[in-house]
N, C-alpha and C. Protein backbone atom coordinates (compact mmCIF):
# COMPACT_ATOMS: atom_id res chain seq x y z
N MET A 1 14.17 1.74 20.88
CA MET A 1 13.90 1.07 19.60
C MET A 1 12.40 0.89 19.44
N VAL A 2 11.89 1.29 18.31
CA VAL A 2 10.46 1.19 18.02
C VAL A 2 10.12 -0.23 17.60
N ILE A 3 9.05 -0.75 18.17
CA ILE A 3 8.55 -2.08 17.80
C ILE A 3 7.46 -1.88 16.75
N SER A 4 7.55 -2.58 15.64
CA SER A 4 6.53 -2.44 14.59
C SER A 4 5.78 -3.75 14.42
N LYS A 5 4.45 -3.62 14.26
CA LYS A 5 3.57 -4.76 14.04
C LYS A 5 2.71 -4.45 12.83
N PHE A 6 2.26 -5.49 12.17
CA PHE A 6 1.44 -5.33 10.97
C PHE A 6 0.08 -5.98 11.20
N GLY A 7 -0.97 -5.20 10.94
CA GLY A 7 -2.33 -5.71 11.09
C GLY A 7 -2.70 -6.64 9.94
N PRO A 8 -3.79 -7.39 10.09
CA PRO A 8 -4.19 -8.36 9.06
C PRO A 8 -4.55 -7.72 7.71
N PHE A 9 -5.21 -6.55 7.73
CA PHE A 9 -5.56 -5.89 6.47
C PHE A 9 -4.31 -5.44 5.73
N PHE A 10 -3.35 -4.91 6.48
CA PHE A 10 -2.11 -4.44 5.87
C PHE A 10 -1.36 -5.60 5.23
N GLU A 11 -1.19 -6.70 5.96
CA GLU A 11 -0.48 -7.86 5.43
C GLU A 11 -1.16 -8.43 4.19
N LYS A 12 -2.48 -8.51 4.23
CA LYS A 12 -3.25 -9.07 3.11
C LYS A 12 -3.05 -8.23 1.84
N ARG A 13 -3.16 -6.92 1.99
CA ARG A 13 -3.00 -6.05 0.81
C ARG A 13 -1.56 -5.98 0.33
N PHE A 14 -0.62 -6.04 1.26
CA PHE A 14 0.79 -6.00 0.87
C PHE A 14 1.16 -7.23 0.05
N LYS A 15 0.64 -8.40 0.42
CA LYS A 15 0.93 -9.63 -0.31
C LYS A 15 0.36 -9.61 -1.72
N LYS A 16 -0.73 -8.87 -1.93
CA LYS A 16 -1.40 -8.83 -3.23
C LYS A 16 -0.71 -7.91 -4.23
N ILE A 17 0.19 -7.06 -3.78
CA ILE A 17 0.85 -6.10 -4.67
C ILE A 17 1.80 -6.84 -5.60
N LYS A 18 1.60 -6.64 -6.89
CA LYS A 18 2.45 -7.29 -7.88
C LYS A 18 3.52 -6.34 -8.43
N ASP A 19 3.27 -5.05 -8.36
CA ASP A 19 4.20 -4.05 -8.87
C ASP A 19 5.39 -3.91 -7.91
N GLN A 20 6.55 -4.31 -8.35
CA GLN A 20 7.75 -4.31 -7.50
C GLN A 20 8.21 -2.88 -7.16
N ALA A 21 8.01 -1.95 -8.07
CA ALA A 21 8.39 -0.56 -7.79
C ALA A 21 7.53 0.01 -6.67
N LEU A 22 6.25 -0.31 -6.67
CA LEU A 22 5.36 0.15 -5.61
C LEU A 22 5.73 -0.50 -4.28
N LYS A 23 6.08 -1.78 -4.30
CA LYS A 23 6.50 -2.46 -3.07
C LYS A 23 7.76 -1.81 -2.49
N LYS A 24 8.67 -1.44 -3.37
CA LYS A 24 9.92 -0.80 -2.93
C LYS A 24 9.63 0.56 -2.28
N ARG A 25 8.75 1.36 -2.93
CA ARG A 25 8.36 2.66 -2.37
C ARG A 25 7.67 2.50 -1.03
N LEU A 26 6.83 1.47 -0.93
CA LEU A 26 6.12 1.21 0.31
C LEU A 26 7.08 0.84 1.43
N LYS A 27 8.07 0.01 1.12
CA LYS A 27 9.07 -0.39 2.13
C LYS A 27 9.88 0.83 2.58
N LEU A 28 10.22 1.72 1.65
CA LEU A 28 10.95 2.94 2.01
C LEU A 28 10.14 3.81 2.97
N HIS A 29 8.84 3.94 2.70
CA HIS A 29 8.00 4.75 3.56
C HIS A 29 7.77 4.09 4.92
N ILE A 30 7.74 2.77 4.95
CA ILE A 30 7.61 2.07 6.23
C ILE A 30 8.84 2.32 7.09
N THR A 31 10.02 2.27 6.49
CA THR A 31 11.24 2.56 7.27
C THR A 31 11.25 4.02 7.72
N LYS A 32 10.72 4.91 6.89
CA LYS A 32 10.62 6.32 7.26
C LYS A 32 9.71 6.49 8.47
N ILE A 33 8.60 5.76 8.50
CA ILE A 33 7.68 5.83 9.64
C ILE A 33 8.34 5.26 10.88
N ILE A 34 9.07 4.16 10.74
CA ILE A 34 9.71 3.53 11.89
C ILE A 34 10.78 4.43 12.49
N THR A 35 11.54 5.13 11.66
CA THR A 35 12.57 6.01 12.17
C THR A 35 12.00 7.29 12.80
N SER A 36 10.89 7.77 12.24
CA SER A 36 10.25 8.97 12.77
C SER A 36 8.73 8.76 12.80
N PRO A 37 8.19 8.15 13.86
CA PRO A 37 6.78 7.73 13.91
C PRO A 37 5.76 8.85 13.79
N GLU A 38 6.12 10.06 14.11
CA GLU A 38 5.14 11.14 14.06
C GLU A 38 5.17 11.90 12.73
N VAL A 39 5.72 11.28 11.70
CA VAL A 39 5.82 11.92 10.39
C VAL A 39 4.46 11.97 9.68
N GLY A 40 3.57 11.05 9.98
CA GLY A 40 2.27 10.99 9.31
C GLY A 40 1.31 12.06 9.80
N LYS A 41 0.29 12.30 8.99
CA LYS A 41 -0.72 13.29 9.31
C LYS A 41 -1.69 12.71 10.35
N PRO A 42 -1.91 13.39 11.47
CA PRO A 42 -2.87 12.88 12.47
C PRO A 42 -4.29 12.98 11.94
N MET A 43 -5.07 11.93 12.11
CA MET A 43 -6.45 11.91 11.64
C MET A 43 -7.38 12.49 12.72
N ARG A 44 -8.59 12.86 12.28
CA ARG A 44 -9.57 13.46 13.19
C ARG A 44 -10.87 12.66 13.17
N TYR A 45 -11.78 13.06 14.04
CA TYR A 45 -13.13 12.52 14.15
C TYR A 45 -13.11 11.02 14.44
N GLY A 46 -13.72 10.20 13.60
CA GLY A 46 -13.84 8.77 13.86
C GLY A 46 -12.53 8.02 13.83
N ARG A 47 -11.52 8.58 13.19
CA ARG A 47 -10.21 7.92 13.07
C ARG A 47 -9.17 8.58 13.96
N LYS A 48 -9.63 9.29 14.98
CA LYS A 48 -8.73 9.98 15.89
C LYS A 48 -7.80 8.98 16.57
N GLY A 49 -6.54 9.36 16.68
CA GLY A 49 -5.54 8.48 17.29
C GLY A 49 -4.70 7.75 16.25
N THR A 50 -5.16 7.75 15.00
CA THR A 50 -4.39 7.12 13.93
C THR A 50 -3.68 8.19 13.12
N ARG A 51 -2.73 7.76 12.33
CA ARG A 51 -1.99 8.65 11.44
C ARG A 51 -1.96 8.06 10.04
N GLU A 52 -1.75 8.91 9.05
CA GLU A 52 -1.64 8.48 7.67
C GLU A 52 -0.43 9.11 7.02
N LEU A 53 0.18 8.33 6.13
CA LEU A 53 1.26 8.85 5.32
C LEU A 53 0.88 8.60 3.86
N SER A 54 1.05 9.60 3.03
CA SER A 54 0.65 9.52 1.63
C SER A 54 1.78 9.03 0.75
N ILE A 55 1.45 8.07 -0.10
CA ILE A 55 2.32 7.61 -1.18
C ILE A 55 1.45 7.69 -2.43
N PRO A 56 1.39 8.84 -3.07
CA PRO A 56 0.39 9.05 -4.12
C PRO A 56 0.29 7.91 -5.11
N PRO A 57 -0.90 7.43 -5.41
CA PRO A 57 -2.23 7.76 -4.89
C PRO A 57 -2.67 6.87 -3.73
N PHE A 58 -1.77 6.35 -2.95
CA PHE A 58 -2.09 5.44 -1.85
C PHE A 58 -1.87 6.10 -0.50
N ARG A 59 -2.38 5.44 0.55
CA ARG A 59 -2.20 5.90 1.92
C ARG A 59 -1.80 4.72 2.81
N ILE A 60 -0.92 4.97 3.77
CA ILE A 60 -0.59 3.99 4.80
C ILE A 60 -1.21 4.52 6.09
N SER A 61 -2.05 3.70 6.71
CA SER A 61 -2.69 4.06 7.97
C SER A 61 -2.01 3.29 9.10
N TYR A 62 -1.66 4.01 10.17
CA TYR A 62 -0.98 3.37 11.29
C TYR A 62 -1.30 4.06 12.60
N VAL A 63 -1.00 3.37 13.70
CA VAL A 63 -1.17 3.92 15.04
C VAL A 63 0.19 3.88 15.72
N TYR A 64 0.51 4.96 16.41
CA TYR A 64 1.76 5.03 17.16
C TYR A 64 1.43 5.16 18.64
N PHE A 65 1.83 4.16 19.42
CA PHE A 65 1.65 4.19 20.87
C PHE A 65 2.96 4.67 21.48
N LYS A 66 2.96 5.92 21.91
CA LYS A 66 4.18 6.55 22.41
C LYS A 66 4.68 5.89 23.70
N GLU A 67 3.76 5.51 24.59
CA GLU A 67 4.15 4.93 25.88
C GLU A 67 4.87 3.59 25.69
N GLN A 68 4.34 2.74 24.80
CA GLN A 68 4.95 1.43 24.56
C GLN A 68 6.01 1.49 23.46
N ASP A 69 6.14 2.64 22.78
CA ASP A 69 7.08 2.80 21.67
C ASP A 69 6.83 1.74 20.60
N THR A 70 5.54 1.64 20.21
CA THR A 70 5.09 0.62 19.25
C THR A 70 4.31 1.28 18.11
N ILE A 71 4.53 0.77 16.90
CA ILE A 71 3.77 1.20 15.73
C ILE A 71 3.01 -0.01 15.20
N VAL A 72 1.70 0.18 14.96
CA VAL A 72 0.88 -0.87 14.37
C VAL A 72 0.39 -0.35 13.03
N PHE A 73 0.82 -1.00 11.95
CA PHE A 73 0.37 -0.63 10.62
C PHE A 73 -0.99 -1.25 10.38
N LEU A 74 -2.01 -0.41 10.17
CA LEU A 74 -3.38 -0.88 10.08
C LEU A 74 -3.80 -1.25 8.67
N ASP A 75 -3.55 -0.36 7.72
CA ASP A 75 -4.08 -0.59 6.38
C ASP A 75 -3.24 0.16 5.35
N PHE A 76 -3.35 -0.31 4.13
CA PHE A 76 -2.71 0.31 2.97
C PHE A 76 -3.79 0.34 1.91
N TYR A 77 -4.20 1.52 1.45
CA TYR A 77 -5.32 1.58 0.52
C TYR A 77 -5.17 2.73 -0.48
N HIS A 78 -5.97 2.63 -1.53
CA HIS A 78 -6.01 3.68 -2.54
C HIS A 78 -6.80 4.85 -2.00
N LYS A 79 -6.41 6.04 -2.36
CA LYS A 79 -7.03 7.25 -1.85
C LYS A 79 -8.54 7.29 -2.13
N ASP A 80 -8.98 6.79 -3.27
CA ASP A 80 -10.37 6.83 -3.64
C ASP A 80 -11.23 5.81 -2.89
N GLU A 81 -10.61 4.87 -2.15
CA GLU A 81 -11.36 3.88 -1.39
C GLU A 81 -11.75 4.36 0.00
N GLN A 82 -11.36 5.55 0.36
CA GLN A 82 -11.59 6.08 1.70
C GLN A 82 -13.02 6.03 2.10
């Protein structure tokens, strides 16, 4: 069973979302990540070790620790804020 944790940036931005349809899509993608943690695109260079999943026009950034079977959701942001 995968253990999921949420970072402070992710929680802060998730609480600010007022659009219920976007929240629903985000929750669906979170469950998708939890069921299959390697579904996201692996990042390179300075963000090596993290993964991203796209929910146009947003991104979910997370880290998957295979040894501990843990996912830490780092951030949720608009694509243009990168």
